[in-house]
Protein backbone atom coordinates (compact mmCIF):
# COMPACT_ATOMS: atom_id res chain seq x y z
CA LEU A 1 -37.33 56.54 83.46
CA GLY A 2 -33.80 55.06 83.11
CA LYS A 3 -32.08 58.17 83.98
CA GLY A 4 -29.18 58.19 86.36
CA ALA A 5 -29.68 54.01 86.45
CA LYS A 6 -26.25 52.65 87.81
CA ALA A 7 -24.43 49.07 87.77
CA ASN A 8 -23.59 47.34 91.22
CA THR A 9 -27.14 49.61 92.29
CA TYR A 10 -30.28 48.10 93.46
CA TYR A 11 -33.97 49.20 94.56
CA THR A 12 -36.26 47.77 96.33
CA TYR A 13 -39.83 48.70 96.52
CA LYS A 14 -43.27 46.90 97.78
CA ILE A 15 -45.83 45.97 94.98
CA GLN A 16 -49.32 46.22 94.64
CA ASP A 17 -50.29 45.28 91.16
CA HIS A 18 -54.34 43.84 90.90
CA ASP A 19 -53.18 41.68 88.29
CA THR A 20 -50.70 39.70 89.76
CA LYS A 21 -51.22 37.05 92.79
CA GLU A 22 -54.36 38.86 93.43
CA SER A 23 -53.23 42.47 94.40
CA GLN A 24 -51.72 40.78 97.42
CA PRO A 25 -48.23 43.04 98.11
CA PHE A 26 -44.97 41.56 97.87
CA ILE A 27 -40.91 42.54 97.78
CA MET A 28 -39.45 43.52 94.33
CA THR A 29 -35.39 43.92 94.36
CA ILE A 30 -33.58 44.83 91.18
CA TYR A 31 -30.25 44.85 91.19
CA LEU A 32 -29.11 46.47 88.73
CA LYS A 33 -25.71 44.95 87.75
CA GLN A 34 -23.83 45.43 84.90
CA PHE A 35 -24.15 47.49 81.30
CA ASP A 36 -23.87 45.04 78.68
CA ASN A 37 -22.71 47.71 76.09
CA SER A 38 -22.13 44.52 73.30
CA LYS A 39 -25.42 43.71 73.24
CA GLY A 40 -28.06 47.50 74.61
CA TYR A 41 -29.16 46.10 78.48
CA TRP A 42 -28.48 46.08 82.08
CA ILE A 43 -28.48 42.93 82.42
CA ALA A 44 -30.89 42.66 86.39
CA PRO A 45 -30.52 39.89 88.66
CA VAL A 46 -34.86 40.54 90.91
CA TYR A 47 -35.72 39.19 93.74
CA VAL A 48 -38.85 38.73 94.55
CA THR A 49 -40.76 38.48 98.26
CA GLU A 50 -43.74 36.69 98.35
CA PRO A 51 -46.58 36.97 100.87
CA ASN A 52 -45.38 34.00 102.58
CA GLY A 53 -41.52 34.48 102.81
CA ASN A 54 -40.89 32.31 99.82
CA VAL A 55 -38.28 34.23 97.36
CA ILE A 56 -37.99 33.91 94.02
CA ASN A 57 -35.09 34.71 91.66
CA GLY A 58 -34.15 34.76 88.59
CA THR A 59 -32.32 37.87 86.31
CA PHE A 60 -33.93 41.06 83.54
CA HIS A 61 -31.94 42.14 80.68
CA LEU A 62 -33.06 45.68 81.30
CA SER A 63 -33.51 48.19 77.19
CA ASP A 64 -30.79 50.89 77.52
CA LEU A 65 -34.31 53.16 76.69
CA ASP A 66 -36.39 53.00 78.71
CA LEU A 67 -35.82 50.20 81.49
CA THR A 68 -37.65 47.52 79.55
CA ALA A 69 -37.94 43.92 80.77
CA LEU A 70 -37.07 42.12 77.63
CA GLY A 71 -38.01 39.22 75.76
CA SER A 72 -34.43 38.54 76.53
CA SER A 73 -34.49 37.95 80.15
CA GLN A 74 -33.77 34.51 82.24
CA ILE A 75 -36.91 33.43 84.31
CA SER A 76 -38.57 30.58 86.11
CA THR A 77 -42.36 30.33 85.70
CA ALA A 78 -43.03 31.72 88.97
CA LEU A 79 -41.34 34.55 88.44
CA ARG A 80 -42.55 35.67 84.55
CA PRO A 81 -45.95 36.93 87.45
CA TYR A 82 -43.49 39.11 88.67
CA LYS A 83 -42.11 39.97 85.90
CA SER A 84 -45.84 41.03 84.37
CA ALA A 85 -46.33 43.01 87.71
CA TYR A 86 -43.11 45.08 87.07
CA VAL A 87 -44.33 46.07 83.23
CA ASN A 88 -47.84 47.25 85.19
CA THR A 89 -46.30 49.60 87.90
CA LEU A 90 -42.46 49.97 87.71
CA ASP A 91 -42.28 50.74 84.23
CA TRP A 92 -45.79 51.45 83.50
CA LEU A 93 -43.99 55.20 82.99
CA ALA A 94 -41.61 53.96 80.43
CA SER A 95 -44.86 54.27 77.88
CA PHE A 96 -45.03 58.06 77.70
CA VAL A 97 -41.52 58.57 78.21
CA PRO A 98 -38.35 56.60 77.10
CA LYS A 99 -35.19 57.98 76.78
CA PRO A 100 -34.50 61.02 75.98
CA GLY A 101 -37.47 61.84 78.60
CA GLN A 102 -40.02 64.15 78.46
CA SER A 103 -39.28 67.93 80.46
CA LEU A 104 -40.96 67.76 84.38
CA SER A 105 -42.37 71.49 83.58
CA ALA A 106 -44.67 69.86 80.40
CA PRO A 107 -47.86 70.31 80.70
CA SER A 108 -48.20 66.82 79.49
CA TRP A 109 -47.19 63.89 78.71
CA GLY A 110 -49.80 61.66 76.78
CA LYS A 111 -52.83 60.89 77.09
CA LEU A 112 -54.71 57.62 78.72
CA ALA A 113 -56.94 56.04 75.41
CA ALA A 114 -59.80 55.94 77.48
CA ILE A 115 -62.76 58.82 77.37
CA GLY A 116 -63.04 60.38 80.06
CA GLY A 117 -59.87 60.97 81.39
CA SER A 118 -57.77 63.54 81.23
CA ALA A 119 -53.65 64.24 80.29
CA ILE A 120 -51.30 62.02 81.54
CA ALA A 121 -48.72 65.81 83.09
CA PRO A 122 -46.62 67.05 86.12
CA SER A 123 -48.42 68.46 88.62
CA GLY A 124 -46.39 70.29 90.76
CA ALA A 125 -43.17 69.39 93.49
CA ALA A 126 -43.68 67.58 96.21
CA LYS A 127 -41.79 65.88 98.63
CA VAL A 128 -41.96 62.02 99.27
CA THR A 129 -41.08 60.12 102.04
CA VAL A 130 -40.72 55.75 102.18
CA PRO A 131 -37.96 53.51 103.84
CA ALA A 132 -35.49 54.67 101.73
CA GLY A 133 -35.72 58.09 103.11
CA THR A 134 -36.85 61.39 101.85
CA PHE A 135 -36.83 62.33 98.50
CA ASP A 136 -37.68 65.66 96.40
CA THR A 137 -40.14 64.72 93.62
CA THR A 138 -42.71 65.92 90.85
CA ALA A 139 -45.77 64.71 91.37
CA ILE A 140 -47.08 63.41 87.58
CA SER A 141 -50.48 62.41 88.02
CA TRP A 142 -54.33 62.54 85.99
CA HIS A 143 -57.21 62.34 86.39
CA TYR A 144 -59.43 59.11 85.78
CA GLY A 145 -62.07 58.70 87.74
CA ALA A 146 -59.37 59.25 91.36
CA ASP A 147 -56.23 61.61 91.53
CA ASN A 148 -53.47 58.86 90.64
CA HIS A 149 -49.91 60.04 91.52
CA ILE A 150 -45.99 58.71 90.00
CA TYR A 151 -43.60 60.41 92.08
CA VAL A 152 -40.56 60.15 90.31
CA ASN A 153 -37.68 62.54 91.36
CA PRO A 154 -35.09 62.89 87.74
CA ASN A 155 -31.37 61.66 89.14
CA ILE A 156 -33.58 58.02 89.76
CA PRO A 157 -34.64 55.73 86.95
CA TYR A 158 -37.15 53.78 88.82
CA PRO A 159 -40.09 55.95 90.34
CA ILE A 160 -40.38 57.14 93.43
CA LYS A 161 -43.71 55.99 94.95
CA ALA A 162 -46.57 55.49 93.80
CA GLN A 163 -50.57 55.21 93.62
CA ALA A 164 -53.19 54.78 90.31
CA PHE A 165 -56.60 53.32 90.64
CA ALA A 166 -58.77 50.50 88.31
CA ALA A 167 -60.42 52.60 85.42
CA VAL A 168 -63.99 51.18 87.16
CA THR A 169 -68.46 52.82 86.09
CA THR A 170 -69.94 52.72 88.90
CA GLY A 171 -68.07 52.54 93.27
CA ALA A 172 -64.99 53.32 94.21
CA PRO A 173 -61.82 51.90 92.11
CA PRO A 174 -59.58 49.83 93.96
CA ILE A 175 -56.19 50.33 93.16
CA GLN A 176 -54.78 49.14 90.23
CA TYR A 177 -51.04 49.74 91.56
CA ALA A 178 -49.24 50.65 94.43
């Protein structure tokens, strides 16, 4: 995560996070404006378009280690739930792969702290099409109540696509994030 980050680039995602705004999808655009060498983080203006069309903006300071949104980020109260959604979705995989990262052919990247789940691991190549285009990716997968997948391209700093399900004891698991 974070490999391939370049100044003056932006990434736009449709995000659905179970814990944010009643799981209503929203659009988040992250602009990697510049890297602050003296402070060791990316200055990244962020724009969120809510389902009602309202736009909220602020600036994340993103760690060079794993693109974690740092506490020095300049965000309003209105943007806070979306910062949490960023952590729960785009940044979730960072807990397993801070720089220098993990091999896309490693047998395992780690395990969830839960009984009954499989290891989080690369599971093979996948061609993924999203509004930005078609990408060659490696699926990072695990099973915990359902099959979960995050698709990464080694040259792009964020996952291309993801679908992860909430852990439930009965019934069909709802989407935790996508």
